[in-house]
Amino acid sequence: MVEDELAIRFATVLKRLQASYSIVTGYVAILFGRSRRSDVIDFIVYGLNEKRFVELCKHLREAGFELMQGDISSENSARAIYEEYL
């Protein structure tokens, strides 16, 4: 999957939740035509409390996303990530 499709899929989940976000770092440079060694896409999502984070994880799971830093396969594991990681 190309970076653009991935970014659009992720942004679609955020929009569905009416979450405010910014796309930052390397992907922005790619959008402006610069070549990059990394194809990382970084999102900053604003104002996520625990309830909204758990809801976001649910929607991300349903869209086929996984979290590299932890398990979002259940509501309890998403809560644990929020408490320990964020």
N, C-alpha and C. Protein backbone atom coordinates (compact mmCIF):
# COMPACT_ATOMS: atom_id res chain seq x y z
N MET A 1 0.85 -1.18 0.00
CA MET A 1 0.00 0.00 0.00
C MET A 1 0.90 1.24 0.00
N VAL A 2 0.57 2.17 -0.84
CA VAL A 2 1.37 3.38 -0.91
C VAL A 2 1.03 4.30 0.26
N GLU A 3 1.95 5.20 0.54
CA GLU A 3 1.80 6.08 1.70
C GLU A 3 0.53 6.92 1.63
N ASP A 4 0.18 7.40 0.44
CA ASP A 4 -1.00 8.25 0.33
C ASP A 4 -2.27 7.50 0.74
N GLU A 5 -2.41 6.28 0.28
CA GLU A 5 -3.59 5.48 0.63
C GLU A 5 -3.65 5.23 2.13
N LEU A 6 -2.51 4.92 2.72
CA LEU A 6 -2.45 4.68 4.16
C LEU A 6 -2.82 5.93 4.94
N ALA A 7 -2.28 7.06 4.54
CA ALA A 7 -2.58 8.33 5.23
C ALA A 7 -4.06 8.65 5.11
N ILE A 8 -4.64 8.43 3.94
CA ILE A 8 -6.06 8.73 3.75
C ILE A 8 -6.92 7.79 4.59
N ARG A 9 -6.58 6.52 4.64
CA ARG A 9 -7.35 5.57 5.46
C ARG A 9 -7.32 5.98 6.93
N PHE A 10 -6.11 6.34 7.43
CA PHE A 10 -5.99 6.72 8.83
C PHE A 10 -6.76 8.02 9.10
N ALA A 11 -6.60 9.00 8.22
CA ALA A 11 -7.30 10.28 8.39
C ALA A 11 -8.81 10.10 8.34
N THR A 12 -9.28 9.15 7.54
CA THR A 12 -10.71 8.87 7.46
C THR A 12 -11.25 8.40 8.80
N VAL A 13 -10.49 7.55 9.49
CA VAL A 13 -10.90 7.10 10.82
C VAL A 13 -10.95 8.28 11.78
N LEU A 14 -9.94 9.14 11.73
CA LEU A 14 -9.92 10.31 12.62
C LEU A 14 -11.09 11.25 12.33
N LYS A 15 -11.39 11.45 11.06
CA LYS A 15 -12.51 12.33 10.69
C LYS A 15 -13.83 11.75 11.16
N ARG A 16 -13.97 10.43 11.05
CA ARG A 16 -15.20 9.78 11.50
C ARG A 16 -15.44 10.06 12.99
N LEU A 17 -14.37 10.15 13.75
CA LEU A 17 -14.46 10.44 15.19
C LEU A 17 -14.45 11.94 15.48
N GLN A 18 -14.38 12.75 14.44
CA GLN A 18 -14.30 14.21 14.56
C GLN A 18 -13.11 14.62 15.42
N ALA A 19 -12.00 13.93 15.24
CA ALA A 19 -10.78 14.23 15.99
C ALA A 19 -9.95 15.26 15.22
N SER A 20 -9.40 16.20 15.93
CA SER A 20 -8.50 17.18 15.32
C SER A 20 -7.12 16.58 15.23
N TYR A 21 -6.46 16.78 14.09
CA TYR A 21 -5.14 16.17 13.90
C TYR A 21 -4.30 17.01 12.95
N SER A 22 -3.01 16.75 13.00
CA SER A 22 -2.06 17.33 12.05
C SER A 22 -1.18 16.20 11.53
N ILE A 23 -0.80 16.31 10.27
CA ILE A 23 0.18 15.39 9.70
C ILE A 23 1.51 16.14 9.71
N VAL A 24 2.55 15.51 10.24
CA VAL A 24 3.82 16.21 10.46
C VAL A 24 5.00 15.39 9.93
N THR A 25 6.14 15.98 9.96
CA THR A 25 7.47 15.44 9.65
C THR A 25 7.60 14.95 8.21
N GLY A 26 8.20 13.80 8.01
CA GLY A 26 8.63 13.33 6.71
C GLY A 26 7.56 13.28 5.64
N TYR A 27 6.37 12.89 5.99
CA TYR A 27 5.32 12.77 4.98
C TYR A 27 4.97 14.13 4.39
N VAL A 28 5.05 15.17 5.19
CA VAL A 28 4.79 16.51 4.68
C VAL A 28 5.80 16.86 3.59
N ALA A 29 7.06 16.51 3.80
CA ALA A 29 8.08 16.76 2.79
C ALA A 29 7.78 15.99 1.51
N ILE A 30 7.32 14.74 1.65
CA ILE A 30 6.97 13.93 0.49
C ILE A 30 5.84 14.60 -0.29
N LEU A 31 4.84 15.14 0.43
CA LEU A 31 3.72 15.81 -0.23
C LEU A 31 4.17 17.00 -1.06
N PHE A 32 5.25 17.64 -0.62
CA PHE A 32 5.78 18.80 -1.35
C PHE A 32 6.85 18.41 -2.37
N GLY A 33 6.95 17.11 -2.66
CA GLY A 33 7.80 16.65 -3.73
C GLY A 33 9.25 16.35 -3.39
N ARG A 34 9.60 16.36 -2.14
CA ARG A 34 10.97 16.05 -1.74
C ARG A 34 11.12 14.55 -1.56
N SER A 35 12.25 14.02 -1.94
CA SER A 35 12.47 12.60 -1.72
C SER A 35 12.93 12.38 -0.28
N ARG A 36 12.55 11.25 0.28
CA ARG A 36 12.87 10.93 1.67
C ARG A 36 13.32 9.48 1.75
N ARG A 37 14.23 9.20 2.65
CA ARG A 37 14.63 7.80 2.88
C ARG A 37 13.56 7.05 3.65
N SER A 38 12.81 7.76 4.42
CA SER A 38 11.78 7.15 5.26
C SER A 38 10.41 7.43 4.67
N ASP A 39 9.52 6.46 4.77
CA ASP A 39 8.16 6.68 4.32
C ASP A 39 7.20 6.72 5.52
N VAL A 40 7.71 7.18 6.65
CA VAL A 40 6.93 7.27 7.88
C VAL A 40 5.90 8.39 7.76
N ILE A 41 4.70 8.12 8.26
CA ILE A 41 3.64 9.12 8.30
C ILE A 41 3.32 9.36 9.77
N ASP A 42 3.54 10.57 10.24
CA ASP A 42 3.28 10.89 11.64
C ASP A 42 2.05 11.78 11.76
N PHE A 43 1.14 11.37 12.62
CA PHE A 43 -0.05 12.15 12.93
C PHE A 43 0.05 12.61 14.38
N ILE A 44 -0.33 13.83 14.64
CA ILE A 44 -0.55 14.30 16.01
C ILE A 44 -2.06 14.45 16.15
N VAL A 45 -2.63 13.76 17.14
CA VAL A 45 -4.06 13.81 17.37
C VAL A 45 -4.27 14.58 18.67
N TYR A 46 -5.10 15.58 18.62
CA TYR A 46 -5.29 16.49 19.75
C TYR A 46 -6.47 16.09 20.63
N GLY A 47 -6.30 16.29 21.93
CA GLY A 47 -7.40 16.20 22.87
C GLY A 47 -8.02 14.83 23.07
N LEU A 48 -7.22 13.78 23.07
CA LEU A 48 -7.78 12.45 23.29
C LEU A 48 -7.71 12.10 24.77
N ASN A 49 -8.86 12.05 25.42
CA ASN A 49 -8.89 11.49 26.76
C ASN A 49 -8.98 9.97 26.63
N GLU A 50 -9.05 9.29 27.74
CA GLU A 50 -9.04 7.82 27.70
C GLU A 50 -10.22 7.26 26.91
N LYS A 51 -11.39 7.79 27.13
CA LYS A 51 -12.59 7.29 26.45
C LYS A 51 -12.44 7.45 24.93
N ARG A 52 -11.98 8.60 24.47
CA ARG A 52 -11.83 8.85 23.04
C ARG A 52 -10.71 8.00 22.45
N PHE A 53 -9.64 7.76 23.23
CA PHE A 53 -8.56 6.91 22.76
C PHE A 53 -9.05 5.48 22.55
N VAL A 54 -9.81 4.97 23.49
CA VAL A 54 -10.35 3.61 23.39
C VAL A 54 -11.28 3.53 22.18
N GLU A 55 -12.09 4.55 21.97
CA GLU A 55 -12.97 4.58 20.81
C GLU A 55 -12.16 4.63 19.51
N LEU A 56 -11.10 5.42 19.49
CA LEU A 56 -10.22 5.49 18.32
C LEU A 56 -9.62 4.12 18.03
N CYS A 57 -9.13 3.44 19.06
CA CYS A 57 -8.54 2.11 18.88
C CYS A 57 -9.55 1.14 18.28
N LYS A 58 -10.78 1.20 18.73
CA LYS A 58 -11.83 0.33 18.19
C LYS A 58 -12.00 0.57 16.69
N HIS A 59 -12.09 1.83 16.31
CA HIS A 59 -12.27 2.16 14.89
C HIS A 59 -11.04 1.80 14.07
N LEU A 60 -9.87 1.97 14.64
CA LEU A 60 -8.65 1.59 13.93
C LEU A 60 -8.59 0.08 13.71
N ARG A 61 -8.95 -0.69 14.73
CA ARG A 61 -9.01 -2.16 14.58
C ARG A 61 -9.95 -2.53 13.44
N GLU A 62 -11.13 -1.92 13.44
CA GLU A 62 -12.13 -2.23 12.42
C GLU A 62 -11.64 -1.86 11.02
N ALA A 63 -10.75 -0.86 10.93
CA ALA A 63 -10.20 -0.44 9.64
C ALA A 63 -8.96 -1.25 9.26
N GLY A 64 -8.56 -2.20 10.13
CA GLY A 64 -7.44 -3.06 9.82
C GLY A 64 -6.08 -2.58 10.29
N PHE A 65 -6.06 -1.56 11.15
CA PHE A 65 -4.79 -1.05 11.67
C PHE A 65 -4.37 -1.82 12.91
N GLU A 66 -3.06 -1.84 13.17
CA GLU A 66 -2.49 -2.41 14.38
C GLU A 66 -1.59 -1.35 15.01
N LEU A 67 -1.36 -1.47 16.30
CA LEU A 67 -0.48 -0.54 17.01
C LEU A 67 0.84 -1.23 17.28
N MET A 68 1.93 -0.65 16.80
CA MET A 68 3.24 -1.26 16.98
C MET A 68 3.69 -1.25 18.44
N GLN A 69 3.24 -0.28 19.22
CA GLN A 69 3.68 -0.15 20.60
C GLN A 69 2.82 -0.92 21.58
N GLY A 70 1.84 -1.65 21.11
CA GLY A 70 1.00 -2.39 22.04
C GLY A 70 -0.17 -3.05 21.34
N ASP A 71 -0.99 -3.66 22.13
CA ASP A 71 -2.11 -4.44 21.64
C ASP A 71 -3.40 -3.63 21.77
N ILE A 72 -4.10 -3.41 20.65
CA ILE A 72 -5.37 -2.71 20.71
C ILE A 72 -6.53 -3.65 20.37
N SER A 73 -6.31 -4.94 20.60
CA SER A 73 -7.31 -5.93 20.20
C SER A 73 -8.55 -5.93 21.09
N SER A 74 -8.49 -5.26 22.22
CA SER A 74 -9.66 -5.19 23.09
C SER A 74 -9.71 -3.83 23.79
N GLU A 75 -10.86 -3.53 24.34
CA GLU A 75 -11.03 -2.27 25.06
C GLU A 75 -10.09 -2.21 26.27
N ASN A 76 -9.94 -3.33 26.99
CA ASN A 76 -9.07 -3.34 28.17
C ASN A 76 -7.61 -3.10 27.80
N SER A 77 -7.15 -3.71 26.70
CA SER A 77 -5.76 -3.50 26.31
C SER A 77 -5.55 -2.07 25.83
N ALA A 78 -6.54 -1.48 25.16
CA ALA A 78 -6.43 -0.08 24.74
C ALA A 78 -6.36 0.84 25.96
N ARG A 79 -7.14 0.54 26.99
CA ARG A 79 -7.08 1.34 28.23
C ARG A 79 -5.70 1.25 28.87
N ALA A 80 -5.14 0.06 28.88
CA ALA A 80 -3.80 -0.14 29.47
C ALA A 80 -2.76 0.66 28.70
N ILE A 81 -2.85 0.68 27.39
CA ILE A 81 -1.91 1.47 26.59
C ILE A 81 -2.05 2.95 26.93
N TYR A 82 -3.27 3.43 27.05
CA TYR A 82 -3.50 4.83 27.39
C TYR A 82 -2.86 5.17 28.73
N GLU A 83 -3.06 4.31 29.71
CA GLU A 83 -2.53 4.56 31.06
C GLU A 83 -1.02 4.44 31.12
N GLU A 84 -0.44 3.47 30.43
CA GLU A 84 0.99 3.21 30.55
C GLU A 84 1.84 3.94 29.51
N TYR A 85 1.31 4.10 28.30
CA TYR A 85 2.11 4.64 27.21
C TYR A 85 1.89 6.12 27.00
N LEU A 86 0.63 6.53 27.04
CA LEU A 86 0.34 7.93 26.79
C LEU A 86 0.37 8.74 28.06
